[in-house]
Structure formats: structure tokens, C-alpha cells
């Protein structure tokens, strides 16, 4: 089953606090399933975070809505790549899973990176 955090942790989650308006951030896109912000420590000229409103820790598990959520995140990432002007030149989508991957916020999110040639890391 998809991992969800306790309500106490959700109250401490930076992404949940941004969504609640407690921490200022420019929300570039918002719909019923997700929202998009710029990463505060970008590693590329375009570095967006596509974040589900539902507070999942990881993309793993068998929640009924996980497949639809992940598909929606990828569709929004594609649309954001178009609006940021990186669709045609290419962009990377990445989801970090757990501490060894570099996941620094325990709330599922999809990175969208582009705007320059990205190093081959895989």
C-alpha cells in the first residue's frame, strides 16, 4: 500500500505548508490532484517540482489511485515543460524514493529538469 504520513508530519511537511499558504511560494499550476513550484535549490535552469496534493511519501505501493496520480503528474510535467520552453529540446523527469536516492522531503514529488544538456547519470 502507498505510504502516507501521519497528520502531525503532514503539518510539518514543507510542501503541505506551501499548499496551505503558510509558506510563500509561487504556484505555477494547481488542479485537483497536484500543484507545481520551482525548486528552491535548482540544479538546472528549469527545475520544477510537480507535487500531488494527496500526501504520499513514495510512489511505491498499491493504492488504487496511485497509478492515476503518477500518470497525472507526468502529464502535468509534460505540459509544464511546454510552457517553460524545454519540451522540444528535452527534459528529465525524476522521482527520488527514500534517503539513498536523495529524497529530502518526505512527500512524493516529480522533478522536471531542463534548459541545458543534462549529464548522463544512469
N, C-alpha and C. Protein backbone atom coordinates (compact mmCIF):
# COMPACT_ATOMS: atom_id res chain seq x y z
N UNK A 1 0.84 -1.17 0.00
CA UNK A 1 0.00 0.00 0.00
C UNK A 1 0.88 1.23 0.00
N UNK A 2 0.46 2.29 -0.66
CA UNK A 2 1.24 3.53 -0.71
C UNK A 2 1.38 4.09 0.69
N UNK A 3 2.57 4.53 1.00
CA UNK A 3 2.82 5.05 2.32
C UNK A 3 2.29 6.46 2.44
N UNK A 4 1.59 6.72 3.54
CA UNK A 4 1.12 8.05 3.85
C UNK A 4 1.66 8.39 5.23
N UNK A 5 1.90 9.66 5.48
CA UNK A 5 2.41 10.06 6.77
C UNK A 5 1.27 10.43 7.69
N UNK A 6 1.59 10.52 8.99
CA UNK A 6 0.61 10.91 9.98
C UNK A 6 0.23 12.37 9.79
N UNK A 7 -0.90 12.75 10.37
CA UNK A 7 -1.36 14.14 10.27
C UNK A 7 -0.33 15.08 10.88
N UNK A 8 0.33 14.67 11.96
CA UNK A 8 1.34 15.52 12.60
C UNK A 8 2.47 15.82 11.61
N UNK A 9 2.94 14.81 10.89
CA UNK A 9 4.01 15.00 9.93
C UNK A 9 3.53 15.84 8.75
N UNK A 10 2.31 15.64 8.31
CA UNK A 10 1.77 16.45 7.22
C UNK A 10 1.77 17.92 7.61
N UNK A 11 1.49 18.21 8.87
CA UNK A 11 1.51 19.60 9.34
C UNK A 11 2.91 20.18 9.29
N UNK A 12 3.92 19.33 9.38
CA UNK A 12 5.31 19.77 9.33
C UNK A 12 5.89 19.76 7.92
N UNK A 13 5.24 19.12 6.99
CA UNK A 13 5.73 18.96 5.62
C UNK A 13 5.77 20.31 4.91
N UNK A 14 6.93 20.64 4.36
CA UNK A 14 7.08 21.93 3.68
C UNK A 14 6.13 22.06 2.49
N UNK A 15 5.92 20.97 1.74
CA UNK A 15 5.02 21.05 0.59
C UNK A 15 3.57 21.25 1.03
N UNK A 16 3.16 20.56 2.09
CA UNK A 16 1.80 20.75 2.61
C UNK A 16 1.63 22.17 3.15
N UNK A 17 2.67 22.70 3.75
CA UNK A 17 2.60 24.07 4.28
C UNK A 17 2.57 25.10 3.15
N UNK A 18 3.28 24.84 2.05
CA UNK A 18 3.19 25.72 0.87
C UNK A 18 1.77 25.69 0.33
N UNK A 19 1.21 24.49 0.17
CA UNK A 19 -0.13 24.35 -0.35
C UNK A 19 -1.16 25.06 0.53
N UNK A 20 -0.95 25.02 1.84
CA UNK A 20 -1.87 25.66 2.79
C UNK A 20 -1.67 27.18 2.86
N UNK A 21 -0.65 27.70 2.18
CA UNK A 21 -0.39 29.13 2.19
C UNK A 21 0.41 29.60 3.39
N UNK A 22 0.95 28.66 4.18
CA UNK A 22 1.74 29.00 5.36
C UNK A 22 3.16 29.43 5.00
N UNK A 23 3.65 28.92 3.88
CA UNK A 23 4.99 29.28 3.39
C UNK A 23 4.80 29.86 1.99
N UNK A 24 5.27 31.08 1.77
CA UNK A 24 5.07 31.69 0.45
C UNK A 24 5.85 30.98 -0.64
N UNK A 25 5.21 30.79 -1.75
CA UNK A 25 5.84 30.20 -2.93
C UNK A 25 4.95 30.50 -4.13
N UNK A 26 5.57 30.72 -5.27
CA UNK A 26 4.79 30.93 -6.49
C UNK A 26 4.31 29.57 -6.99
N UNK A 27 3.01 29.38 -6.99
CA UNK A 27 2.44 28.15 -7.52
C UNK A 27 2.16 28.38 -9.00
N UNK A 28 2.90 27.64 -9.83
CA UNK A 28 2.83 27.82 -11.28
C UNK A 28 1.62 27.14 -11.89
N UNK A 29 1.14 26.10 -11.23
CA UNK A 29 -0.02 25.33 -11.71
C UNK A 29 -0.65 24.69 -10.48
N UNK A 30 -1.98 24.60 -10.51
CA UNK A 30 -2.69 23.87 -9.46
C UNK A 30 -3.98 23.33 -10.04
N UNK A 31 -4.26 22.07 -9.71
CA UNK A 31 -5.52 21.46 -10.08
C UNK A 31 -5.98 20.59 -8.91
N UNK A 32 -6.95 19.73 -9.14
CA UNK A 32 -7.48 18.92 -8.04
C UNK A 32 -6.51 17.86 -7.53
N UNK A 33 -5.50 17.50 -8.34
CA UNK A 33 -4.60 16.42 -7.96
C UNK A 33 -3.18 16.85 -7.61
N UNK A 34 -2.74 18.01 -8.12
CA UNK A 34 -1.35 18.39 -7.89
C UNK A 34 -1.14 19.89 -8.01
N UNK A 35 0.07 20.30 -7.65
CA UNK A 35 0.49 21.68 -7.87
C UNK A 35 1.96 21.67 -8.26
N UNK A 36 2.42 22.80 -8.84
CA UNK A 36 3.79 22.89 -9.36
C UNK A 36 4.44 24.15 -8.81
N UNK A 37 5.69 23.97 -8.33
CA UNK A 37 6.50 25.10 -7.88
C UNK A 37 7.90 24.95 -8.46
N UNK A 38 8.70 26.01 -8.38
CA UNK A 38 10.10 25.93 -8.75
C UNK A 38 10.90 25.41 -7.55
N UNK A 39 11.91 24.60 -7.81
CA UNK A 39 12.78 24.11 -6.74
C UNK A 39 13.58 25.28 -6.19
N UNK A 40 13.73 25.36 -4.87
CA UNK A 40 14.47 26.47 -4.26
C UNK A 40 15.98 26.29 -4.39
N UNK A 41 16.42 25.10 -4.76
CA UNK A 41 17.85 24.83 -4.99
C UNK A 41 18.00 24.15 -6.35
N UNK A 42 17.76 24.89 -7.44
CA UNK A 42 17.74 24.26 -8.76
C UNK A 42 19.09 23.73 -9.18
N UNK A 43 19.06 22.59 -9.88
CA UNK A 43 20.28 22.01 -10.44
C UNK A 43 20.31 22.13 -11.96
N UNK A 44 19.34 22.83 -12.51
CA UNK A 44 19.26 23.10 -13.94
C UNK A 44 18.53 24.43 -14.10
N UNK A 45 18.67 25.08 -15.26
CA UNK A 45 17.98 26.35 -15.47
C UNK A 45 16.47 26.26 -15.22
N UNK A 46 15.87 25.15 -15.61
CA UNK A 46 14.47 24.87 -15.27
C UNK A 46 14.47 23.68 -14.34
N UNK A 47 13.95 23.88 -13.13
CA UNK A 47 13.85 22.80 -12.16
C UNK A 47 12.55 22.99 -11.41
N UNK A 48 11.55 22.25 -11.85
CA UNK A 48 10.21 22.33 -11.28
C UNK A 48 9.92 21.10 -10.43
N UNK A 49 9.02 21.26 -9.49
CA UNK A 49 8.54 20.15 -8.67
C UNK A 49 7.04 20.02 -8.91
N UNK A 50 6.62 18.84 -9.33
CA UNK A 50 5.21 18.53 -9.52
C UNK A 50 4.81 17.67 -8.32
N UNK A 51 3.91 18.21 -7.50
CA UNK A 51 3.65 17.64 -6.18
C UNK A 51 2.18 17.25 -6.06
N UNK A 52 1.88 15.99 -5.72
CA UNK A 52 0.48 15.64 -5.53
C UNK A 52 -0.07 16.31 -4.28
N UNK A 53 -1.33 16.68 -4.34
CA UNK A 53 -1.98 17.25 -3.16
C UNK A 53 -2.14 16.19 -2.09
N UNK A 54 -2.46 14.96 -2.49
CA UNK A 54 -2.52 13.84 -1.55
C UNK A 54 -1.12 13.62 -0.99
N UNK A 55 -0.99 13.47 0.31
CA UNK A 55 0.31 13.38 0.96
C UNK A 55 0.83 11.94 0.99
N UNK A 56 1.45 11.53 -0.11
CA UNK A 56 2.14 10.24 -0.16
C UNK A 56 3.62 10.48 0.09
N UNK A 57 4.27 9.51 0.71
CA UNK A 57 5.72 9.61 0.91
C UNK A 57 6.43 9.12 -0.35
N UNK A 58 6.01 7.98 -0.87
CA UNK A 58 6.66 7.34 -2.03
C UNK A 58 5.64 6.99 -3.10
N UNK A 59 6.13 6.68 -4.26
CA UNK A 59 5.28 6.24 -5.36
C UNK A 59 5.06 4.73 -5.34
N UNK A 60 5.69 4.05 -4.42
CA UNK A 60 5.55 2.60 -4.33
C UNK A 60 4.25 2.24 -3.63
N UNK A 61 3.83 1.02 -3.82
CA UNK A 61 2.62 0.57 -3.15
C UNK A 61 1.51 0.30 -4.12
N UNK A 62 0.36 -0.02 -3.57
CA UNK A 62 -0.75 -0.44 -4.41
C UNK A 62 -2.02 0.35 -4.15
N UNK A 63 -1.90 1.59 -3.77
CA UNK A 63 -3.10 2.41 -3.59
C UNK A 63 -3.83 2.48 -4.92
N UNK A 64 -5.15 2.39 -4.88
CA UNK A 64 -5.93 2.38 -6.10
C UNK A 64 -5.70 3.62 -6.95
N UNK A 65 -5.48 4.74 -6.32
CA UNK A 65 -5.33 5.98 -7.07
C UNK A 65 -3.88 6.29 -7.46
N UNK A 66 -2.92 5.47 -7.06
CA UNK A 66 -1.52 5.77 -7.31
C UNK A 66 -1.20 5.82 -8.81
N UNK A 67 -1.70 4.86 -9.56
CA UNK A 67 -1.41 4.84 -11.00
C UNK A 67 -1.97 6.09 -11.67
N UNK A 68 -3.18 6.47 -11.32
CA UNK A 68 -3.78 7.67 -11.89
C UNK A 68 -3.01 8.91 -11.44
N UNK A 69 -2.60 8.95 -10.19
CA UNK A 69 -1.85 10.09 -9.67
C UNK A 69 -0.53 10.24 -10.40
N UNK A 70 0.22 9.16 -10.54
CA UNK A 70 1.52 9.21 -11.22
C UNK A 70 1.34 9.60 -12.69
N UNK A 71 0.33 9.06 -13.34
CA UNK A 71 0.07 9.44 -14.73
C UNK A 71 -0.26 10.91 -14.85
N UNK A 72 -1.03 11.42 -13.92
CA UNK A 72 -1.39 12.84 -13.94
C UNK A 72 -0.15 13.71 -13.71
N UNK A 73 0.71 13.31 -12.75
CA UNK A 73 1.93 14.08 -12.51
C UNK A 73 2.78 14.16 -13.77
N UNK A 74 2.88 13.05 -14.50
CA UNK A 74 3.67 13.04 -15.73
C UNK A 74 3.03 13.91 -16.82
N UNK A 75 1.71 13.90 -16.90
CA UNK A 75 1.03 14.76 -17.89
C UNK A 75 1.24 16.23 -17.57
N UNK A 76 1.14 16.58 -16.29
CA UNK A 76 1.37 17.97 -15.89
C UNK A 76 2.82 18.34 -16.14
N UNK A 77 3.75 17.42 -15.87
CA UNK A 77 5.18 17.69 -16.13
C UNK A 77 5.39 17.99 -17.61
N UNK A 78 4.76 17.23 -18.48
CA UNK A 78 4.86 17.46 -19.93
C UNK A 78 4.33 18.85 -20.29
N UNK A 79 3.17 19.19 -19.75
CA UNK A 79 2.57 20.49 -20.04
C UNK A 79 3.45 21.63 -19.51
N UNK A 80 4.04 21.44 -18.35
CA UNK A 80 4.92 22.47 -17.78
C UNK A 80 6.20 22.59 -18.60
N UNK A 81 6.71 21.47 -19.11
CA UNK A 81 7.89 21.52 -19.98
C UNK A 81 7.58 22.35 -21.23
N UNK A 82 6.38 22.20 -21.76
CA UNK A 82 5.98 23.01 -22.91
C UNK A 82 5.92 24.48 -22.54
N UNK A 83 5.30 24.80 -21.40
CA UNK A 83 5.15 26.21 -21.03
C UNK A 83 6.48 26.85 -20.62
N UNK A 84 7.44 26.05 -20.19
CA UNK A 84 8.77 26.56 -19.81
C UNK A 84 9.74 26.59 -20.99
N UNK A 85 9.30 26.10 -22.15
CA UNK A 85 10.13 26.15 -23.35
C UNK A 85 11.21 25.09 -23.44
N UNK A 86 11.05 23.98 -22.71
CA UNK A 86 12.07 22.92 -22.74
C UNK A 86 11.56 21.62 -23.37
N UNK A 87 10.31 21.63 -23.83
CA UNK A 87 9.71 20.41 -24.36
C UNK A 87 10.46 19.90 -25.59
N UNK A 88 10.75 20.77 -26.53
CA UNK A 88 11.37 20.34 -27.79
C UNK A 88 12.84 19.97 -27.63
N UNK A 89 13.56 20.67 -26.77
CA UNK A 89 14.99 20.38 -26.59
C UNK A 89 15.23 19.17 -25.69
N UNK A 90 14.27 18.85 -24.87
CA UNK A 90 14.37 17.69 -23.99
C UNK A 90 14.43 18.08 -22.53
N UNK A 91 13.94 17.18 -21.71
CA UNK A 91 13.89 17.42 -20.27
C UNK A 91 13.90 16.08 -19.56
N UNK A 92 14.21 16.12 -18.28
CA UNK A 92 14.25 14.91 -17.46
C UNK A 92 13.15 14.98 -16.42
N UNK A 93 12.50 13.83 -16.18
CA UNK A 93 11.56 13.69 -15.08
C UNK A 93 12.15 12.67 -14.13
N UNK A 94 12.17 12.99 -12.84
CA UNK A 94 12.76 12.07 -11.86
C UNK A 94 11.96 12.08 -10.57
N UNK A 95 11.82 10.89 -9.99
CA UNK A 95 11.21 10.74 -8.67
C UNK A 95 12.23 10.05 -7.79
N UNK A 96 12.59 10.69 -6.69
CA UNK A 96 13.51 10.09 -5.72
C UNK A 96 12.70 9.32 -4.68
N UNK A 97 13.17 8.13 -4.36
CA UNK A 97 12.48 7.23 -3.44
C UNK A 97 13.39 6.89 -2.27
N UNK A 98 13.21 7.52 -1.14
CA UNK A 98 13.96 7.20 0.06
C UNK A 98 15.28 7.93 0.17
N UNK A 99 15.91 7.83 1.34
CA UNK A 99 17.11 8.62 1.64
C UNK A 99 18.31 8.32 0.73
N UNK A 100 18.51 7.09 0.30
CA UNK A 100 19.66 6.78 -0.56
C UNK A 100 19.54 7.42 -1.94
N UNK A 101 18.32 7.78 -2.33
CA UNK A 101 18.11 8.40 -3.65
C UNK A 101 18.31 9.90 -3.61
N UNK A 102 18.35 10.46 -2.42
CA UNK A 102 18.45 11.91 -2.28
C UNK A 102 17.12 12.57 -1.99
N UNK A 103 16.09 11.77 -1.69
CA UNK A 103 14.78 12.36 -1.36
C UNK A 103 14.93 13.15 -0.07
N UNK A 104 14.74 14.47 -0.16
CA UNK A 104 14.95 15.32 1.00
C UNK A 104 13.65 15.76 1.67
N UNK A 105 12.53 15.61 0.99
CA UNK A 105 11.22 15.93 1.57
C UNK A 105 10.38 14.66 1.49
N UNK A 106 9.83 14.24 2.62
CA UNK A 106 9.03 13.02 2.65
C UNK A 106 7.61 13.28 2.17
N UNK A 107 7.52 13.70 0.93
CA UNK A 107 6.24 13.90 0.23
C UNK A 107 6.57 13.63 -1.23
N UNK A 108 5.92 12.66 -1.81
CA UNK A 108 6.14 12.32 -3.21
C UNK A 108 6.15 13.57 -4.08
N UNK A 109 7.13 13.68 -4.96
CA UNK A 109 7.17 14.78 -5.92
C UNK A 109 8.00 14.36 -7.13
N UNK A 110 7.67 14.96 -8.26
CA UNK A 110 8.32 14.67 -9.53
C UNK A 110 9.14 15.89 -9.92
N UNK A 111 10.45 15.69 -10.13
CA UNK A 111 11.32 16.76 -10.60
C UNK A 111 11.24 16.85 -12.12
N UNK A 112 11.18 18.06 -12.63
CA UNK A 112 11.25 18.32 -14.07
C UNK A 112 12.46 19.21 -14.28
N UNK A 113 13.46 18.69 -15.01
CA UNK A 113 14.73 19.38 -15.20
C UNK A 113 15.00 19.60 -16.66
N UNK A 114 15.50 20.78 -17.00
CA UNK A 114 15.86 21.05 -18.38
C UNK A 114 16.45 22.44 -18.54
N UNK A 115 16.64 22.84 -19.78
CA UNK A 115 17.20 24.14 -20.08
C UNK A 115 18.69 24.10 -20.39
N UNK A 116 19.28 22.94 -20.32
CA UNK A 116 20.70 22.72 -20.69
C UNK A 116 20.88 21.23 -20.92
N UNK A 117 22.04 20.86 -21.47
CA UNK A 117 22.36 19.44 -21.64
C UNK A 117 22.59 18.87 -20.24
N UNK A 118 21.88 17.81 -19.91
CA UNK A 118 21.99 17.19 -18.59
C UNK A 118 22.98 16.04 -18.64
N UNK A 119 23.78 15.91 -17.60
CA UNK A 119 24.78 14.83 -17.54
C UNK A 119 24.08 13.47 -17.53
N UNK A 120 24.76 12.47 -18.10
CA UNK A 120 24.26 11.11 -18.08
C UNK A 120 24.55 10.52 -16.71
N UNK A 121 23.50 10.31 -15.92
CA UNK A 121 23.67 9.78 -14.58
C UNK A 121 23.12 8.37 -14.47
N UNK A 122 22.76 7.76 -15.56
CA UNK A 122 22.14 6.45 -15.44
C UNK A 122 22.61 5.52 -16.40
